[in-house]
Amino acid sequence: MQSDVVIIGAGLAGLVAANELIERGKTVTILDQEGRQNLGGQAFWSLGGLLMIDSPEQRRMRVKDSVALATNDWMGSAQFDRPEDHWPRQWAQAYLDFAAGEMRSWLYDLGMRWFPVVGWAERGGSFANGHGNSVPRFHITWGTGPGVLRPFEQRVLEAENQGKITFGFRHRVTGFDITNGKIAGITGDILAPDDAIRGAATTRDVIDNFDIRADQVIVTSGGIGGNFDLVRRNWDASKSGPLPDKMVSGVPEHVDGLLLDIVKDAGAELINTDRMWHYTEGVQNWDPIWPHHGIRILPGPSSMWFDATGDRLPAPCMPGFDTMSTLHEICRRGHDHTWFVLTQKIIEKEFALSGSEQNFDLTTGGWKDVLKARLGKGATPAVEAFKEKGEDFVVANDFDTLVAGMNQLGGNLIDPAKLRAQIEARDAQIDNPFTKDAQITAIHTARNYLGDKLIRTAKPHKILDPGKGPLIAVKLHVVTRKTLGGIHTDLDAKVFAPGGQTIDGLYAAGEAAGFGGGGYHGNNALEGTFLGGCIHSGRRAGRAAG
């Protein structure tokens, strides 16, 4: 396995870095604790959204965007507030320039294409200089996550056939040899082969060990989202309270974050480890692949959102607007679930599910499938399957039956009269084209955007209108997902040791490095910047190591 560069982690960032290295004539060894069936890592399961700025897709949808507007949105969301945010801030600006510059043309030349309707994700819902995207920027890749991975996988596998790349699957790194400020090698365990399906838990039986001498190593091992113990250890409960007792996982169990502590113990610096990104609209997967498997609902703006006791959440805690504010609000209230209350008309127009496997039409990349799924009768097949089979869904033809089902699932915490009064108050605001309800104002704003009006936002109507039913309630869980902090690096992805010196030959990229620099999102993320961050940081790391 002697190569010019060793990459630890066969996910998107690692594959992008490898692609850059082979273009520069380098030989590469890629190690991963999972088997070949998990090549591509978490990105395989994603919806494939990328944040790009002033793209042809945006312009066709009459969206006016610019680097200046996107920078205002990013910095208003990030709220960088620590001395160690110097390099993360530099990474943020570098990504913004990339996303407005060569990103799209480079990826297009590699073969990527995007769904023509740009999504408006993480809308914010507060002030213009605060959190959120002012305009739609979420570009869904045809083929979803597998479509993002495909050009890099193809090139890396071709290089493997040519002898330029060697894979070490089931190789778990447990140690770094850093001597006199320079990487010298890595050691670890060889795990027993396991042919479990992609994403499923695999054995950790050790059959041998390895010692690889290397003077160029790139760490792209991912985050901590599949390790609830590590998530809870790093979460700062003093900000808003502890995470709920029950959560679901949006990533496979092997996303365990263990290598972060290992590289720290070897002499690398971790920063911003308390910053993380967990979604608040998770439902338990009725057909799970990995332990605690949860799926995130990607909601339009119309569902009413209530806490476990039936109190409506305040703005900006509205569907699709401000994930972190909503997460903090849920933690402050101290229950392990919340509720969406909506109608059949809303679920048909507004509910999507995150993930490649939940969006067959976009993953297969066929227009016929998209039109049938998105514009046909009912919600998409995946959403209808969750509505029918998911244990978190309550469907009823009348309000009293709905609340009885909610109380059965949620521990009898909801007073029917109080819940009805809040819904009726909201419904009374529908009688006029103007309103004082922040959420209804947001619905009208959403429908001013052609993309939302066409496929993402239902025409405003009363929740208790029998003609729009049946009524639906969805019990929502916190779903663990992304690590916003990580290995501290400079803009060339070189890893810092405590004290400000970089470790010669050691680089980090992707989620292990907080998607750039040790946390280029700051305190809040904008959607499309996770895969985008893996691509951008992997590219920089590969070029620097090459």
Protein backbone atom coordinates (compact mmCIF):
# COMPACT_ATOMS: atom_id res chain seq x y z
CA MET A 1 0.00 0.00 0.00
CA GLN A 2 2.93 2.37 -0.47
CA SER A 3 1.58 5.49 -2.19
CA ASP A 4 2.38 9.17 -2.46
CA VAL A 5 -0.68 10.10 -0.39
CA VAL A 6 -2.95 8.21 2.01
CA ILE A 7 -6.58 9.32 2.35
CA ILE A 8 -8.57 8.17 5.40
CA GLY A 9 -12.23 7.99 4.44
CA ALA A 10 -13.85 6.93 1.15
CA GLY A 11 -16.68 9.47 1.24
CA LEU A 12 -17.27 12.40 -1.09
CA ALA A 13 -14.45 14.61 0.23
CA GLY A 14 -11.97 11.72 0.02
CA LEU A 15 -13.00 10.86 -3.53
CA VAL A 16 -12.74 14.48 -4.64
CA ALA A 17 -9.28 14.76 -3.08
CA ALA A 18 -8.22 11.51 -4.77
CA ASN A 19 -9.48 12.81 -8.11
CA GLU A 20 -7.30 15.91 -7.76
CA LEU A 21 -4.28 13.83 -6.80
CA ILE A 22 -4.49 11.41 -9.71
CA GLU A 23 -4.83 14.36 -12.10
CA ARG A 24 -1.47 15.51 -10.72
CA GLY A 25 0.16 12.14 -11.30
CA LYS A 26 0.16 11.00 -7.68
CA THR A 27 -0.51 7.49 -6.43
CA VAL A 28 -3.09 7.21 -3.66
CA THR A 29 -4.16 4.75 -0.98
CA ILE A 30 -7.71 5.19 0.33
CA LEU A 31 -8.55 3.56 3.67
CA ASP A 32 -12.03 3.10 5.09
CA GLN A 33 -13.37 1.08 8.02
CA GLU A 34 -16.36 -0.02 5.93
CA GLY A 35 -16.45 -2.29 2.88
CA ARG A 36 -16.52 -1.43 -0.80
CA GLN A 37 -20.32 -1.47 -0.75
CA ASN A 38 -20.21 1.81 1.23
CA LEU A 39 -17.99 3.66 -1.25
CA GLY A 40 -19.13 7.27 -1.27
CA GLY A 41 -20.15 7.35 2.39
CA GLN A 42 -22.98 9.57 3.57
CA ALA A 43 -23.25 11.45 0.30
CA PHE A 44 -24.88 8.40 -1.29
CA TRP A 45 -27.92 8.87 0.95
CA SER A 46 -28.31 12.59 0.35
CA LEU A 47 -30.77 14.54 -1.78
CA GLY A 48 -27.84 15.95 -3.71
CA GLY A 49 -28.45 19.63 -3.02
CA LEU A 50 -25.70 22.16 -3.73
CA LEU A 51 -25.68 25.84 -2.87
CA MET A 52 -24.66 27.79 -5.95
CA ILE A 53 -24.90 31.53 -6.54
CA ASP A 54 -26.30 33.38 -9.57
CA SER A 55 -26.66 30.17 -11.56
CA PRO A 56 -28.45 29.76 -14.90
CA GLU A 57 -31.11 27.76 -13.03
CA GLN A 58 -31.72 30.69 -10.68
CA ARG A 59 -31.87 33.21 -13.50
CA ARG A 60 -34.38 31.08 -15.42
CA MET A 61 -36.57 31.10 -12.28
CA ARG A 62 -36.24 34.93 -12.12
CA VAL A 63 -34.15 34.79 -8.95
CA LYS A 64 -31.66 37.64 -8.57
CA ASP A 65 -28.62 36.52 -6.60
CA SER A 66 -25.09 37.77 -6.05
CA VAL A 67 -21.98 37.09 -4.00
CA ALA A 68 -22.77 40.17 -1.90
CA LEU A 69 -26.28 38.91 -1.04
CA ALA A 70 -25.06 35.38 -0.35
CA THR A 71 -22.22 36.70 1.82
CA ASN A 72 -24.69 38.73 3.86
CA ASP A 73 -26.82 35.62 4.31
CA TRP A 74 -23.87 33.40 5.24
CA MET A 75 -22.30 35.79 7.71
CA GLY A 76 -25.68 36.64 9.22
CA SER A 77 -26.24 32.94 9.73
CA ALA A 78 -22.74 32.01 10.88
CA GLN A 79 -22.43 34.77 13.48
CA PHE A 80 -18.74 33.96 13.90
CA ASP A 81 -17.97 34.90 17.50
CA ARG A 82 -14.75 33.12 18.54
CA PRO A 83 -11.04 33.86 18.05
CA GLU A 84 -10.62 30.41 16.49
CA ASP A 85 -13.15 31.35 13.78
CA HIS A 86 -10.42 33.12 11.76
CA TRP A 87 -9.79 30.25 9.36
CA PRO A 88 -13.41 29.07 9.24
CA ARG A 89 -14.34 32.60 8.12
CA GLN A 90 -11.69 32.44 5.38
CA TRP A 91 -13.10 29.10 4.27
CA ALA A 92 -16.62 30.53 4.18
CA GLN A 93 -15.56 33.36 1.89
CA ALA A 94 -13.59 30.96 -0.30
CA TYR A 95 -16.66 28.73 -0.71
CA LEU A 96 -18.86 31.71 -1.59
CA ASP A 97 -16.42 32.74 -4.29
CA PHE A 98 -16.26 29.14 -5.54
CA ALA A 99 -20.07 28.78 -5.55
CA ALA A 100 -20.46 32.00 -7.55
CA GLY A 101 -17.51 31.24 -9.82
CA GLU A 102 -16.11 28.04 -11.29
CA MET A 103 -18.10 25.53 -9.20
CA ARG A 104 -20.98 25.01 -11.60
CA SER A 105 -18.94 25.00 -14.82
CA TRP A 106 -16.39 22.60 -13.32
CA LEU A 107 -19.06 20.19 -12.08
CA TYR A 108 -20.98 20.53 -15.36
CA ASP A 109 -17.86 19.53 -17.28
CA LEU A 110 -17.59 16.49 -15.01
CA GLY A 111 -21.11 15.49 -16.06
CA MET A 112 -23.41 16.83 -13.32
CA ARG A 113 -26.79 18.32 -14.14
CA TRP A 114 -29.44 19.92 -11.92
CA PHE A 115 -33.21 19.91 -11.56
CA PRO A 116 -34.44 23.17 -13.13
CA VAL A 117 -36.52 24.32 -10.14
CA VAL A 118 -34.17 25.73 -7.51
CA GLY A 119 -35.23 24.95 -3.95
CA TRP A 120 -35.62 27.56 -1.23
CA ALA A 121 -34.24 25.84 1.85
CA GLU A 122 -33.47 27.32 5.29
CA ARG A 123 -35.37 30.57 4.71
CA GLY A 124 -34.52 32.20 8.03
CA GLY A 125 -37.64 34.08 9.03
CA SER A 126 -36.14 36.95 11.04
CA PHE A 127 -34.18 40.01 9.88
CA ALA A 128 -32.37 40.67 6.59
CA ASN A 129 -29.00 40.61 8.33
CA GLY A 130 -29.83 37.46 10.30
CA HIS A 131 -30.00 33.76 9.54
CA GLY A 132 -31.29 32.25 6.33
CA ASN A 133 -31.26 32.30 2.54
CA SER A 134 -32.79 35.47 1.12
CA VAL A 135 -33.43 33.67 -2.17
CA PRO A 136 -33.65 30.08 -3.45
CA ARG A 137 -30.16 28.56 -3.88
CA PHE A 138 -30.66 24.81 -3.34
CA HIS A 139 -29.75 23.07 -6.61
CA ILE A 140 -30.83 19.41 -6.60
CA THR A 141 -28.53 17.25 -8.68
CA TRP A 142 -30.12 14.88 -11.18
CA GLY A 143 -29.40 11.50 -9.64
CA THR A 144 -29.44 13.01 -6.10
CA GLY A 145 -26.52 11.91 -3.89
CA PRO A 146 -25.38 9.10 -6.21
CA GLY A 147 -25.39 11.65 -9.02
CA VAL A 148 -23.04 13.91 -7.07
CA LEU A 149 -20.72 10.99 -6.36
CA ARG A 150 -20.78 9.46 -9.85
CA PRO A 151 -18.14 11.51 -11.68
CA PHE A 152 -15.64 11.20 -8.84
CA GLU A 153 -16.33 7.50 -8.26
CA GLN A 154 -15.90 6.76 -11.96
CA ARG A 155 -12.55 8.49 -12.16
CA VAL A 156 -11.24 6.92 -8.96
CA LEU A 157 -12.31 3.42 -10.00
CA GLU A 158 -10.67 3.92 -13.40
CA ALA A 159 -7.50 4.94 -11.57
CA GLU A 160 -7.75 1.81 -9.44
CA ASN A 161 -7.85 -0.32 -12.58
CA GLN A 162 -4.77 1.52 -13.80
CA GLY A 163 -2.89 0.85 -10.57
CA LYS A 164 -2.83 4.50 -9.50
CA ILE A 165 -5.18 4.02 -6.55
CA THR A 166 -5.25 1.28 -3.94
CA PHE A 167 -8.23 0.77 -1.63
CA GLY A 168 -7.87 -0.55 1.88
CA PHE A 169 -11.44 -1.34 2.83
CA ARG A 170 -12.16 -2.58 6.38
CA HIS A 171 -9.04 -0.73 7.53
CA ARG A 172 -9.80 1.21 10.72
CA VAL A 173 -7.16 3.79 11.65
CA THR A 174 -6.37 3.84 15.38
CA GLY A 175 -3.14 5.84 15.51
CA PHE A 176 -1.09 8.57 13.84
CA ASP A 177 2.69 8.72 13.99
CA ILE A 178 3.51 12.41 14.20
CA THR A 179 7.17 13.09 14.90
CA ASN A 180 8.83 16.51 15.17
CA GLY A 181 5.75 18.21 13.75
CA LYS A 182 5.51 15.93 10.71
CA ILE A 183 3.28 12.99 9.82
CA ALA A 184 5.28 9.77 9.45
CA GLY A 185 2.63 7.06 9.28
CA ILE A 186 -0.63 5.58 10.46
CA THR A 187 -1.56 2.37 12.23
CA GLY A 188 -4.77 0.51 12.77
CA ASP A 189 -6.93 -2.60 12.68
CA ILE A 190 -8.03 -4.74 9.77
CA LEU A 191 -11.65 -5.67 10.38
CA ALA A 192 -13.27 -8.94 9.36
CA PRO A 193 -15.04 -8.83 5.97
CA ASP A 194 -18.75 -8.07 6.20
CA ASP A 195 -21.10 -8.06 3.21
CA ALA A 196 -24.00 -6.30 4.95
CA ILE A 197 -25.97 -4.05 2.62
CA ARG A 198 -24.89 -0.44 2.18
CA GLY A 199 -25.58 1.57 5.34
CA ALA A 200 -26.30 -1.37 7.62
CA ALA A 201 -24.26 -1.92 10.80
CA THR A 202 -21.18 -4.12 10.32
CA THR A 203 -19.00 -6.18 12.63
CA ARG A 204 -16.02 -4.70 14.42
CA ASP A 205 -14.15 -8.02 14.76
CA VAL A 206 -10.41 -7.47 14.30
CA ILE A 207 -8.48 -10.04 12.23
CA ASP A 208 -5.14 -8.25 11.82
CA ASN A 209 -3.44 -4.88 12.08
CA PHE A 210 -1.51 -2.58 9.75
CA ASP A 211 1.25 0.00 9.82
CA ILE A 212 1.57 2.28 6.80
CA ARG A 213 4.47 4.69 6.47
CA ALA A 214 3.32 7.91 4.82
CA ASP A 215 4.46 11.51 4.69
CA GLN A 216 1.22 12.86 3.14
CA VAL A 217 -2.11 11.99 4.82
CA ILE A 218 -5.56 13.52 4.24
CA VAL A 219 -8.24 12.88 6.88
CA THR A 220 -11.76 12.77 5.41
CA SER A 221 -13.34 10.42 7.93
CA GLY A 222 -16.65 12.26 8.43
CA GLY A 223 -18.53 13.45 11.49
CA ILE A 224 -20.20 12.14 14.63
CA GLY A 225 -23.93 11.99 13.75
CA GLY A 226 -24.24 8.20 14.09
CA ASN A 227 -22.74 8.18 17.58
CA PHE A 228 -25.36 9.43 20.07
CA ASP A 229 -22.88 9.25 22.96
CA LEU A 230 -20.43 11.55 21.19
CA VAL A 231 -23.22 13.87 20.05
CA ARG A 232 -24.41 14.28 23.64
CA ARG A 233 -20.87 14.70 24.97
CA ASN A 234 -20.19 17.58 22.59
CA TRP A 235 -23.57 19.28 22.77
CA ASP A 236 -23.50 22.44 24.91
CA ALA A 237 -26.66 22.08 27.01
CA SER A 238 -25.99 25.43 28.71
CA LYS A 239 -27.15 27.25 25.57
CA SER A 240 -30.66 25.87 25.43
CA GLY A 241 -30.95 22.69 27.47
CA PRO A 242 -30.11 19.04 26.83
CA LEU A 243 -30.94 17.16 23.66
CA PRO A 244 -34.10 15.02 23.84
CA ASP A 245 -33.89 11.59 25.45
CA LYS A 246 -35.10 10.00 22.23
CA MET A 247 -33.58 10.93 18.89
CA VAL A 248 -33.32 9.26 15.50
CA SER A 249 -30.24 9.05 13.33
CA GLY A 250 -30.00 10.50 9.86
CA VAL A 251 -26.71 8.74 9.14
CA PRO A 252 -25.42 5.15 9.36
CA GLU A 253 -23.85 3.84 12.56
CA HIS A 254 -20.34 3.90 11.09
CA VAL A 255 -20.47 7.72 11.12
CA ASP A 256 -19.05 7.42 14.61
CA GLY A 257 -16.57 10.30 14.84
CA LEU A 258 -14.03 8.17 16.69
CA LEU A 259 -11.14 9.23 14.49
CA LEU A 260 -11.53 12.84 15.61
CA ASP A 261 -10.42 11.98 19.14
CA ILE A 262 -7.65 9.78 17.76
CA VAL A 263 -6.16 12.54 15.63
CA LYS A 264 -6.54 14.99 18.52
CA ASP A 265 -4.65 12.65 20.85
CA ALA A 266 -1.91 12.43 18.22
CA GLY A 267 -1.40 16.19 18.27
CA ALA A 268 -3.96 17.82 15.97
CA GLU A 269 -6.23 20.62 17.15
CA LEU A 270 -10.04 20.34 17.13
CA ILE A 271 -12.18 23.46 17.33
CA ASN A 272 -15.90 24.23 17.57
CA THR A 273 -16.79 20.66 18.53
CA ASP A 274 -19.92 21.90 20.31
CA ARG A 275 -21.35 23.18 17.03
CA MET A 276 -23.52 20.69 15.20
CA TRP A 277 -26.55 20.56 12.95
CA HIS A 278 -29.48 18.32 13.86
CA TYR A 279 -32.81 18.51 12.08
CA THR A 280 -36.08 18.87 13.93
CA GLU A 281 -38.49 17.25 11.47
CA GLY A 282 -37.39 13.62 11.79
CA VAL A 283 -39.66 10.59 11.57
CA GLN A 284 -38.82 6.98 12.30
CA ASN A 285 -38.18 5.01 9.13
CA TRP A 286 -40.80 2.29 8.73
CA ASP A 287 -38.23 0.31 6.68
CA PRO A 288 -34.93 1.01 8.50
CA ILE A 289 -31.47 0.26 7.14
CA TRP A 290 -29.28 1.34 10.07
CA PRO A 291 -29.93 1.55 13.84
CA HIS A 292 -32.38 4.31 14.91
CA HIS A 293 -32.84 5.14 11.23
CA GLY A 294 -34.68 8.44 10.83
CA ILE A 295 -35.78 10.36 7.76
CA ARG A 296 -36.11 14.12 7.64
CA ILE A 297 -39.29 15.64 6.27
CA LEU A 298 -38.48 18.49 3.91
CA PRO A 299 -41.55 20.62 4.58
CA GLY A 300 -43.10 23.46 2.70
CA PRO A 301 -44.20 26.44 4.83
CA SER A 302 -47.83 25.60 5.63
CA SER A 303 -47.92 22.90 8.34
CA MET A 304 -48.70 24.20 11.81
CA TRP A 305 -45.97 23.33 14.31
CA PHE A 306 -46.80 22.52 17.95
CA ASP A 307 -44.74 21.35 20.88
CA ALA A 308 -45.51 18.10 22.72
CA THR A 309 -48.18 19.80 24.85
CA GLY A 310 -49.97 21.38 21.90
CA ASP A 311 -48.56 24.93 22.13
CA ARG A 312 -47.71 26.47 18.78
CA LEU A 313 -44.02 27.18 18.25
CA PRO A 314 -43.16 30.87 17.73
CA ALA A 315 -41.58 32.41 14.63
CA PRO A 316 -38.98 31.82 13.27
CA CYS A 317 -39.64 28.21 14.34
CA MET A 318 -41.66 27.50 11.22
CA PRO A 319 -41.29 24.61 8.77
CA GLY A 320 -38.20 25.10 6.64
CA PHE A 321 -37.13 28.44 8.12
CA ASP A 322 -34.65 28.28 11.01
CA THR A 323 -33.41 24.86 12.04
CA MET A 324 -31.13 25.95 14.87
CA SER A 325 -33.67 28.28 16.50
CA THR A 326 -36.21 25.48 16.37
CA LEU A 327 -33.78 22.94 17.82
CA HIS A 328 -32.95 25.26 20.71
CA GLU A 329 -36.65 25.94 21.31
CA ILE A 330 -37.39 22.22 21.46
CA CYS A 331 -34.53 21.60 23.88
CA ARG A 332 -35.68 24.45 26.12
CA ARG A 333 -39.18 22.96 26.33
CA GLY A 334 -37.84 19.63 27.50
CA HIS A 335 -39.89 17.09 25.53
CA ASP A 336 -38.61 14.57 23.02
CA HIS A 337 -41.06 15.33 20.22
CA THR A 338 -43.11 18.01 18.47
CA TRP A 339 -46.05 17.87 16.05
CA PHE A 340 -46.95 19.00 12.57
CA VAL A 341 -50.69 19.40 12.00
CA LEU A 342 -51.75 19.70 8.37
CA THR A 343 -54.18 18.58 5.69
CA GLN A 344 -54.05 16.15 2.81
CA LYS A 345 -53.78 19.12 0.43
CA ILE A 346 -50.67 20.32 2.25
CA ILE A 347 -48.98 16.93 2.36
CA GLU A 348 -49.61 16.44 -1.36
CA LYS A 349 -47.97 19.72 -2.36
CA GLU A 350 -45.43 20.35 0.38
CA PHE A 351 -44.00 17.15 1.86
CA ALA A 352 -40.78 15.72 0.51
CA LEU A 353 -38.41 13.33 2.25
CA SER A 354 -34.67 13.76 2.44
CA GLY A 355 -32.46 11.17 0.84
CA SER A 356 -31.72 9.45 -2.43
CA GLU A 357 -33.71 6.34 -1.54
CA GLN A 358 -36.82 8.40 -0.79
CA ASN A 359 -36.73 10.24 -4.13
CA PHE A 360 -36.69 7.53 -6.75
CA ASP A 361 -37.79 9.92 -9.49
CA LEU A 362 -34.94 12.37 -8.97
CA THR A 363 -32.42 9.60 -8.29
CA THR A 364 -33.20 7.79 -11.53
CA GLY A 365 -33.12 11.14 -13.31
CA GLY A 366 -36.20 10.56 -15.45
CA TRP A 367 -38.61 13.38 -16.28
CA LYS A 368 -41.49 10.95 -16.71
CA ASP A 369 -41.00 9.66 -13.16
CA VAL A 370 -40.70 13.21 -11.77
CA LEU A 371 -43.91 14.42 -13.38
CA LYS A 372 -45.81 11.34 -12.24
CA ALA A 373 -44.52 11.56 -8.64
CA ARG A 374 -44.67 15.34 -8.15
CA LEU A 375 -47.75 16.33 -10.14
CA GLY A 376 -49.85 13.18 -10.00
CA LYS A 377 -52.69 12.40 -7.60
CA GLY A 378 -51.70 12.28 -3.93
CA ALA A 379 -48.30 12.89 -2.39
CA THR A 380 -45.17 11.20 -3.75
CA PRO A 381 -45.16 7.40 -3.34
CA ALA A 382 -42.51 7.63 -0.62
CA VAL A 383 -44.53 10.16 1.41
CA GLU A 384 -47.74 8.15 0.98
CA ALA A 385 -45.89 5.04 2.20
CA PHE A 386 -44.81 6.86 5.37
CA LYS A 387 -48.34 8.17 5.87
CA GLU A 388 -49.69 4.63 5.62
CA LYS A 389 -46.96 2.66 7.39
CA GLY A 390 -45.00 5.12 9.53
CA GLU A 391 -45.65 4.90 13.26
CA ASP A 392 -45.38 8.69 13.65
CA PHE A 393 -48.34 9.53 11.40
CA VAL A 394 -51.93 10.06 12.53
CA VAL A 395 -54.63 10.41 9.85
CA ALA A 396 -58.22 11.22 10.75
CA ASN A 397 -61.40 12.55 9.16
CA ASP A 398 -62.30 14.72 12.15
CA PHE A 399 -60.47 16.82 14.72
CA ASP A 400 -61.39 14.85 17.84
CA THR A 401 -60.16 11.59 16.33
CA LEU A 402 -56.94 13.28 15.28
CA VAL A 403 -56.22 14.56 18.80
CA ALA A 404 -57.05 11.18 20.30
CA GLY A 405 -54.43 9.62 18.02
CA MET A 406 -51.89 12.29 18.90
CA ASN A 407 -52.44 11.71 22.61
CA GLN A 408 -52.09 7.98 22.16
CA LEU A 409 -48.70 8.46 20.52
CA GLY A 410 -47.54 11.41 22.59
CA GLY A 411 -48.47 10.55 26.19
CA ASN A 412 -51.80 12.39 26.60
CA LEU A 413 -50.23 15.83 26.80
CA ILE A 414 -52.58 17.72 24.47
CA ASP A 415 -55.74 19.56 25.51
CA PRO A 416 -58.12 19.32 22.50
CA ALA A 417 -59.80 22.65 23.24
CA LYS A 418 -56.51 24.54 23.42
CA LEU A 419 -55.23 22.97 20.20
CA ARG A 420 -58.49 23.68 18.38
CA ALA A 421 -58.48 27.33 19.49
CA GLN A 422 -55.01 27.90 18.04
CA ILE A 423 -55.90 26.28 14.73
CA GLU A 424 -59.16 28.24 14.48
CA ALA A 425 -57.31 31.50 15.18
CA ARG A 426 -54.89 30.70 12.38
CA ASP A 427 -57.72 29.69 10.04
CA ALA A 428 -59.49 33.01 10.61
CA GLN A 429 -56.50 34.75 9.02
CA ILE A 430 -57.16 32.99 5.70
CA ASP A 431 -60.31 35.03 4.98
CA ASN A 432 -58.24 38.01 3.74
CA PRO A 433 -55.25 38.29 1.41
CA PHE A 434 -53.40 40.04 4.27
CA THR A 435 -52.64 38.80 7.76
CA LYS A 436 -50.80 39.40 11.02
CA ASP A 437 -49.80 35.73 11.33
CA ALA A 438 -46.08 35.42 10.55
CA GLN A 439 -46.45 31.96 9.06
CA ILE A 440 -49.25 32.93 6.70
CA THR A 441 -47.23 35.95 5.62
CA ALA A 442 -44.42 33.52 4.86
CA ILE A 443 -46.76 31.33 2.82
CA HIS A 444 -47.80 34.30 0.67
CA THR A 445 -44.12 35.22 0.19
CA ALA A 446 -43.26 31.67 -0.81
CA ARG A 447 -45.98 31.62 -3.45
CA ASN A 448 -44.51 34.77 -4.98
CA TYR A 449 -41.63 32.52 -6.06
CA LEU A 450 -42.62 30.55 -9.16
CA GLY A 451 -40.84 27.39 -8.07
CA ASP A 452 -42.67 27.26 -4.74
CA LYS A 453 -46.00 28.06 -6.32
CA LEU A 454 -45.58 25.27 -8.86
CA ILE A 455 -44.42 22.39 -6.68
CA ARG A 456 -43.71 23.33 -3.05
CA THR A 457 -46.38 25.54 -1.46
CA ALA A 458 -50.07 24.74 -1.20
CA LYS A 459 -52.68 27.39 -1.87
CA PRO A 460 -53.58 28.95 1.54
CA HIS A 461 -56.60 27.26 3.07
CA LYS A 462 -58.11 26.51 6.46
CA ILE A 463 -56.67 23.52 8.28
CA LEU A 464 -60.14 22.59 9.60
CA ASP A 465 -61.82 22.82 6.18
CA PRO A 466 -63.32 19.32 5.69
CA GLY A 467 -62.88 19.66 1.94
CA LYS A 468 -59.10 19.79 2.31
CA GLY A 469 -58.80 16.71 4.49
CA PRO A 470 -58.28 14.26 5.90
CA LEU A 471 -56.43 15.86 8.80
CA ILE A 472 -52.88 14.66 9.44
CA ALA A 473 -50.60 14.93 12.46
CA VAL A 474 -46.96 13.91 12.35
CA LYS A 475 -44.93 13.22 15.49
CA LEU A 476 -41.49 14.71 14.91
CA HIS A 477 -38.15 13.73 16.44
CA VAL A 478 -34.74 15.37 16.43
CA VAL A 479 -32.67 13.61 13.77
CA THR A 480 -28.89 13.75 14.23
CA ARG A 481 -26.94 14.70 11.16
CA LYS A 482 -23.97 17.03 10.72
CA THR A 483 -20.85 18.06 12.61
CA LEU A 484 -20.16 21.78 12.19
CA GLY A 485 -16.81 21.78 14.02
CA GLY A 486 -13.78 19.57 13.64
CA ILE A 487 -10.11 19.52 12.69
CA HIS A 488 -8.61 23.00 12.53
CA THR A 489 -6.99 23.75 9.17
CA ASP A 490 -5.68 26.64 7.13
CA LEU A 491 -7.01 27.45 3.67
CA ASP A 492 -4.77 24.76 2.13
CA ALA A 493 -6.40 22.17 4.43
CA LYS A 494 -3.16 21.81 6.45
CA VAL A 495 -3.90 20.67 9.99
CA PHE A 496 -2.96 22.85 12.94
CA ALA A 497 -1.44 21.63 16.16
CA PRO A 498 -2.35 23.55 19.33
CA GLY A 499 -0.29 26.72 19.38
CA GLY A 500 -0.68 27.72 15.75
CA GLN A 501 1.85 25.58 13.86
CA THR A 502 0.68 23.27 11.08
CA ILE A 503 1.63 19.59 11.05
CA ASP A 504 3.76 18.93 8.00
CA GLY A 505 2.05 16.53 5.59
CA LEU A 506 -1.26 16.25 7.47
CA TYR A 507 -4.45 17.59 5.86
CA ALA A 508 -8.16 17.36 6.62
CA ALA A 509 -11.31 17.97 4.59
CA GLY A 510 -15.03 17.31 4.54
CA GLU A 511 -17.11 16.93 7.67
CA ALA A 512 -14.08 15.87 9.72
CA ALA A 513 -12.82 19.45 9.24
CA GLY A 514 -16.19 21.09 9.79
CA PHE A 515 -16.47 21.22 5.97
CA GLY A 516 -13.53 23.61 5.95
CA GLY A 517 -11.15 25.11 8.47
CA GLY A 518 -12.77 23.48 11.49
CA GLY A 519 -16.26 24.86 11.00
CA TYR A 520 -16.96 27.16 8.05
CA HIS A 521 -20.67 27.33 8.88
CA GLY A 522 -20.08 29.05 12.21
CA ASN A 523 -23.16 28.74 14.42
CA ASN A 524 -25.73 28.07 11.69
CA ALA A 525 -25.73 26.34 8.33
CA LEU A 526 -27.33 27.13 5.00
CA GLU A 527 -28.59 24.12 3.05
CA GLY A 528 -26.54 22.88 0.11
CA THR A 529 -23.28 23.67 1.89
CA PHE A 530 -22.64 20.18 3.27
CA LEU A 531 -22.05 18.33 0.00
CA GLY A 532 -20.74 21.59 -1.41
CA GLY A 533 -18.31 21.87 1.48
CA CYS A 534 -17.08 18.31 0.96
CA ILE A 535 -16.44 19.03 -2.72
CA HIS A 536 -14.75 22.36 -2.08
CA SER A 537 -12.57 21.23 0.82
CA GLY A 538 -11.69 17.89 -0.78
CA ARG A 539 -10.60 19.72 -3.90
CA ARG A 540 -8.40 22.13 -1.93
CA ALA A 541 -6.86 19.32 0.14
CA GLY A 542 -6.08 17.24 -2.95
CA ARG A 543 -4.48 20.17 -4.72
CA ALA A 544 -2.43 21.14 -1.67
CA ALA A 545 -1.20 17.59 -1.07
CA GLY A 546 -0.46 17.13 -4.76
